[in-house]
Amino acid sequence: MIDQDLRDRILAEPEVILEDRDVMNALIGANERLMGSNIVDLRGIAMERLEGRLDRLEDTHRTVIAAAYENLAGTNQVHRAILQMMDPLSFEDFLKTMASDVAATLRIDCVRLVLESVQDAEDPSLRKLGDVLYVAEPGFVAEYISGGRNVPLRPVVLRQVLPQSDALYGERAGWVRSEALMKLDFGKGRLPGMLVMGAEDPHQFKPTHGTDLLGFFAGVFERTMRRWLA
C-alpha cells in the first residue's frame, strides 16, 4: 500500500505529478502492463505521438533561438567593423585599418582590395600602400569571381580558394583556405573592384552560408571607396 503521507501529498498537489514527465511515463507504463498485451491503448499511443512532436518542437525552438543569437552576434560584429572602417582620415590609414582592426573584428586572416587599373602595379605610389591593395588588369575581377567560367557574377561569393589565387594572396597563399569575394561598383566611368576576405579555416566561408551581412558590409565599403577615389 502507498504510504499515507505520500498519498496525502499527491491528493493535495496532483498537478506536481502531471507536470513531471518521467513520473507520468512510469504511471502510463504500469497501466499498460496491467491491461496486458492483448489490449491496444489508443490513448497511450496518442500520448507517445504527442510527446514525440513536443520533443521535435523543443529541438526546433532551441535551434531557432541559437540561430537568432548567432545572427545578432554577427550583426553586432559587422557594425563594429564598419565603425572602425570609417575612422581613418587618410586612404593609407584606411587600408591599414582594414588589415588590422577590421580583420580582427571580423575574425578573418587576410584582406585584399582589388582595383582594376591600367596603371603599373609596381608604381611606387601604389607600393607604399602595403599588401592590402592589389592592382590588377581590367577584367581580372570578373575572371577571378567566375573562375574562368561563363556564368553570371553574384555580388557576394563564398568558396574555398582556387589554384589561381596564389598571385592575389602572395606569401599567404599557402594557408588561406576559404574566401569571401565581394564585387564592388565604384560608379559610372570607373573600373570595378573587389573586396576579398580570406580565412585559414576552410569552412569559414562556404556557399551554403548566408551573405546578407557581407553584402551590407560591402555596400558600406563601396560607398566609402567612392569618396576616396573622388
Protein backbone atom coordinates (compact mmCIF):
# COMPACT_ATOMS: atom_id res chain seq x y z
CA MET A 1 0.00 0.00 0.00
CA ILE A 2 1.11 3.56 -0.71
CA ASP A 3 2.44 5.49 2.26
CA GLN A 4 -0.33 7.64 3.76
CA ASP A 5 1.79 10.78 3.94
CA LEU A 6 2.79 10.42 0.27
CA ARG A 7 -0.83 9.76 -0.67
CA ASP A 8 -1.97 12.89 1.15
CA ARG A 9 0.68 14.99 -0.61
CA ILE A 10 -0.35 13.69 -4.02
CA LEU A 11 -4.02 14.38 -3.32
CA ALA A 12 -3.16 17.85 -2.10
CA GLU A 13 -0.98 18.74 -5.12
CA PRO A 14 -1.88 16.45 -8.07
CA GLU A 15 -0.51 18.96 -10.60
CA VAL A 16 3.01 18.12 -9.38
CA ILE A 17 2.55 14.60 -10.76
CA LEU A 18 1.02 15.83 -14.01
CA GLU A 19 3.92 18.20 -14.67
CA ASP A 20 6.59 15.54 -14.13
CA ARG A 21 7.04 13.75 -17.48
CA ASP A 22 9.11 10.86 -16.06
CA VAL A 23 6.55 10.10 -13.36
CA MET A 24 3.68 10.24 -15.86
CA ASN A 25 5.53 7.90 -18.24
CA ALA A 26 6.08 5.45 -15.38
CA LEU A 27 2.38 5.54 -14.45
CA ILE A 28 1.28 5.04 -18.07
CA GLY A 29 3.73 2.15 -18.47
CA ALA A 30 2.44 0.48 -15.31
CA ASN A 31 -1.14 0.89 -16.54
CA GLU A 32 -0.28 -0.75 -19.88
CA ARG A 33 1.32 -3.72 -18.11
CA LEU A 34 -1.79 -4.18 -16.02
CA MET A 35 -4.00 -4.20 -19.13
CA GLY A 36 -1.95 -6.95 -20.77
CA SER A 37 -0.62 -7.33 -24.31
CA ASN A 38 -3.99 -8.13 -25.92
CA ILE A 39 -5.40 -4.63 -25.39
CA VAL A 40 -4.44 -1.73 -27.59
CA ASP A 41 -4.31 1.53 -25.61
CA LEU A 42 -5.13 4.20 -28.19
CA ARG A 43 -4.76 6.93 -25.60
CA GLY A 44 -1.23 5.76 -24.79
CA ILE A 45 -0.31 5.68 -28.47
CA ALA A 46 -1.67 9.20 -28.91
CA MET A 47 0.35 10.41 -25.92
CA GLU A 48 3.53 8.87 -27.32
CA ARG A 49 2.97 10.66 -30.61
CA LEU A 50 2.31 13.95 -28.81
CA GLU A 51 5.49 13.51 -26.79
CA GLY A 52 7.45 12.91 -29.98
CA ARG A 53 6.01 16.06 -31.52
CA LEU A 54 6.78 18.02 -28.36
CA ASP A 55 10.39 16.82 -28.40
CA ARG A 56 10.78 17.87 -32.03
CA LEU A 57 9.17 21.22 -31.28
CA GLU A 58 11.57 21.82 -28.40
CA ASP A 59 14.55 20.92 -30.61
CA THR A 60 13.34 23.34 -33.29
CA HIS A 61 12.79 26.02 -30.67
CA ARG A 62 16.35 25.65 -29.39
CA THR A 63 17.73 25.72 -32.94
CA VAL A 64 15.81 28.89 -33.80
CA ILE A 65 16.98 30.63 -30.62
CA ALA A 66 20.59 29.62 -31.26
CA ALA A 67 20.38 30.89 -34.85
CA ALA A 68 18.86 34.18 -33.66
CA TYR A 69 21.66 34.73 -31.14
CA GLU A 70 24.27 33.86 -33.78
CA ASN A 71 22.73 36.27 -36.27
CA LEU A 72 22.60 39.03 -33.64
CA ALA A 73 26.23 38.45 -32.76
CA GLY A 74 27.18 38.57 -36.44
CA THR A 75 25.24 41.80 -36.94
CA ASN A 76 26.98 43.46 -33.99
CA GLN A 77 30.32 42.23 -35.30
CA VAL A 78 29.75 43.79 -38.73
CA HIS A 79 28.53 47.05 -37.18
CA ARG A 80 31.71 47.35 -35.10
CA ALA A 81 33.85 46.66 -38.17
CA ILE A 82 32.02 49.36 -40.16
CA LEU A 83 32.61 51.95 -37.43
CA GLN A 84 36.30 51.06 -37.37
CA MET A 85 36.44 51.33 -41.16
CA MET A 86 35.02 54.86 -41.07
CA ASP A 87 37.53 56.24 -38.55
CA PRO A 88 40.69 56.76 -40.70
CA LEU A 89 41.30 60.19 -42.23
CA SER A 90 43.69 59.09 -44.97
CA PHE A 91 43.50 56.33 -47.58
CA GLU A 92 46.73 54.76 -46.35
CA ASP A 93 45.39 54.55 -42.79
CA PHE A 94 42.11 53.23 -44.20
CA LEU A 95 43.90 50.26 -45.77
CA LYS A 96 45.96 49.65 -42.62
CA THR A 97 42.78 49.64 -40.52
CA MET A 98 41.20 47.11 -42.88
CA ALA A 99 44.17 44.78 -42.43
CA SER A 100 44.34 45.15 -38.65
CA ASP A 101 41.31 46.30 -36.63
CA VAL A 102 38.61 45.35 -39.13
CA ALA A 103 40.17 41.96 -39.87
CA ALA A 104 40.43 41.21 -36.15
CA THR A 105 36.82 42.23 -35.50
CA LEU A 106 35.52 40.07 -38.36
CA ARG A 107 37.86 37.22 -37.33
CA ILE A 108 39.42 36.84 -40.74
CA ASP A 109 43.07 36.25 -41.54
CA CYS A 110 43.57 38.25 -44.70
CA VAL A 111 42.05 41.25 -46.52
CA ARG A 112 42.65 42.28 -50.11
CA LEU A 113 41.23 45.24 -52.01
CA VAL A 114 41.45 44.55 -55.73
CA LEU A 115 41.35 47.58 -58.05
CA GLU A 116 41.39 47.16 -61.80
CA SER A 117 43.63 49.74 -63.43
CA VAL A 118 45.77 50.38 -66.47
CA GLN A 119 48.38 51.85 -64.13
CA ASP A 120 51.54 49.85 -63.45
CA ALA A 121 51.14 47.85 -60.23
CA GLU A 122 54.85 48.47 -59.44
CA ASP A 123 54.31 52.22 -59.28
CA PRO A 124 55.98 53.49 -56.03
CA SER A 125 52.85 55.47 -55.12
CA LEU A 126 50.91 52.20 -55.04
CA ARG A 127 53.57 50.05 -53.40
CA LYS A 128 53.68 52.29 -50.31
CA LEU A 129 50.03 51.46 -49.60
CA GLY A 130 51.00 47.97 -48.45
CA ASP A 131 49.91 44.49 -49.45
CA VAL A 132 46.19 45.09 -48.82
CA LEU A 133 45.88 46.84 -52.19
CA TYR A 134 46.15 44.58 -55.23
CA VAL A 135 46.17 46.34 -58.61
CA ALA A 136 45.05 44.13 -61.48
CA GLU A 137 44.48 44.41 -65.18
CA PRO A 138 40.98 45.20 -66.47
CA GLY A 139 38.82 42.10 -66.48
CA PHE A 140 40.56 40.45 -63.52
CA VAL A 141 37.61 40.77 -61.11
CA ALA A 142 35.10 39.02 -63.37
CA GLU A 143 37.63 36.33 -64.28
CA TYR A 144 38.54 35.63 -60.66
CA ILE A 145 34.99 35.55 -59.30
CA SER A 146 33.71 33.31 -62.10
CA GLY A 147 36.75 31.04 -62.00
CA GLY A 148 37.06 31.43 -65.75
CA ARG A 149 33.53 30.16 -66.40
CA ASN A 150 30.84 31.92 -68.39
CA VAL A 151 28.39 32.42 -65.51
CA PRO A 152 26.52 35.43 -64.07
CA LEU A 153 28.51 37.23 -61.36
CA ARG A 154 26.91 37.29 -57.95
CA PRO A 155 27.61 40.28 -55.67
CA VAL A 156 28.94 38.02 -52.89
CA VAL A 157 30.63 34.64 -53.43
CA LEU A 158 31.75 32.31 -50.65
CA ARG A 159 34.01 29.39 -51.52
CA GLN A 160 37.27 27.56 -50.93
CA VAL A 161 40.24 29.17 -52.65
CA LEU A 162 41.09 28.24 -56.24
CA PRO A 163 44.60 27.47 -57.58
CA GLN A 164 44.75 30.82 -59.39
CA SER A 165 44.56 32.67 -56.05
CA ASP A 166 48.31 32.41 -55.38
CA ALA A 167 49.11 35.73 -57.04
CA LEU A 168 46.37 37.50 -55.10
CA TYR A 169 47.42 36.27 -51.65
CA GLY A 170 51.16 36.36 -52.19
CA GLU A 171 53.05 34.99 -49.19
CA ARG A 172 49.80 33.91 -47.54
CA ALA A 173 48.68 31.79 -50.47
CA GLY A 174 49.83 28.60 -48.74
CA TRP A 175 47.44 28.80 -45.81
CA VAL A 176 44.38 30.82 -46.92
CA ARG A 177 41.79 28.07 -47.49
CA SER A 178 38.43 29.83 -47.90
CA GLU A 179 37.43 33.26 -49.15
CA ALA A 180 34.59 35.74 -49.42
CA LEU A 181 34.53 37.75 -52.64
CA MET A 182 32.51 40.98 -52.84
CA LYS A 183 32.23 42.70 -56.21
CA LEU A 184 32.44 46.49 -55.96
CA ASP A 185 30.89 49.10 -58.24
CA PHE A 186 32.65 52.46 -57.99
CA GLY A 187 30.28 54.32 -60.27
CA LYS A 188 29.91 55.27 -63.90
CA GLY A 189 33.15 55.52 -65.84
CA ARG A 190 35.20 53.57 -63.26
CA LEU A 191 36.52 50.04 -63.47
CA PRO A 192 35.08 47.55 -60.96
CA GLY A 193 36.84 46.39 -57.84
CA MET A 194 36.64 43.51 -55.42
CA LEU A 195 36.93 43.14 -51.65
CA VAL A 196 38.41 39.80 -50.62
CA MET A 197 38.36 38.26 -47.16
CA GLY A 198 40.48 35.17 -46.66
CA ALA A 199 40.47 32.66 -43.82
CA GLU A 200 42.72 29.80 -42.81
CA ASP A 201 39.66 27.77 -41.81
CA PRO A 202 38.40 26.02 -44.99
CA HIS A 203 34.86 26.05 -43.58
CA GLN A 204 34.64 29.71 -42.53
CA PHE A 205 33.27 30.76 -45.91
CA LYS A 206 31.02 28.15 -47.53
CA PRO A 207 28.50 28.53 -50.39
CA THR A 208 25.73 27.40 -48.04
CA HIS A 209 26.26 30.32 -45.65
CA GLY A 210 24.11 33.44 -45.74
CA THR A 211 25.56 36.52 -47.41
CA ASP A 212 23.23 39.32 -46.22
CA LEU A 213 25.65 40.78 -43.66
CA LEU A 214 28.62 40.61 -46.00
CA GLY A 215 26.51 42.23 -48.70
CA PHE A 216 25.68 45.08 -46.31
CA PHE A 217 29.34 45.46 -45.32
CA ALA A 218 30.38 45.53 -48.99
CA GLY A 219 27.77 48.22 -49.70
CA VAL A 220 29.20 50.49 -47.00
CA PHE A 221 32.76 49.73 -48.13
CA GLU A 222 31.84 50.51 -51.73
CA ARG A 223 30.41 53.93 -50.81
CA THR A 224 33.43 54.72 -48.66
CA MET A 225 35.76 53.85 -51.53
CA ARG A 226 33.87 56.13 -53.89
CA ARG A 227 34.73 59.08 -51.65
CA TRP A 228 38.41 58.08 -51.53
CA LEU A 229 38.55 57.66 -55.30
CA ALA A 230 36.95 61.05 -55.79
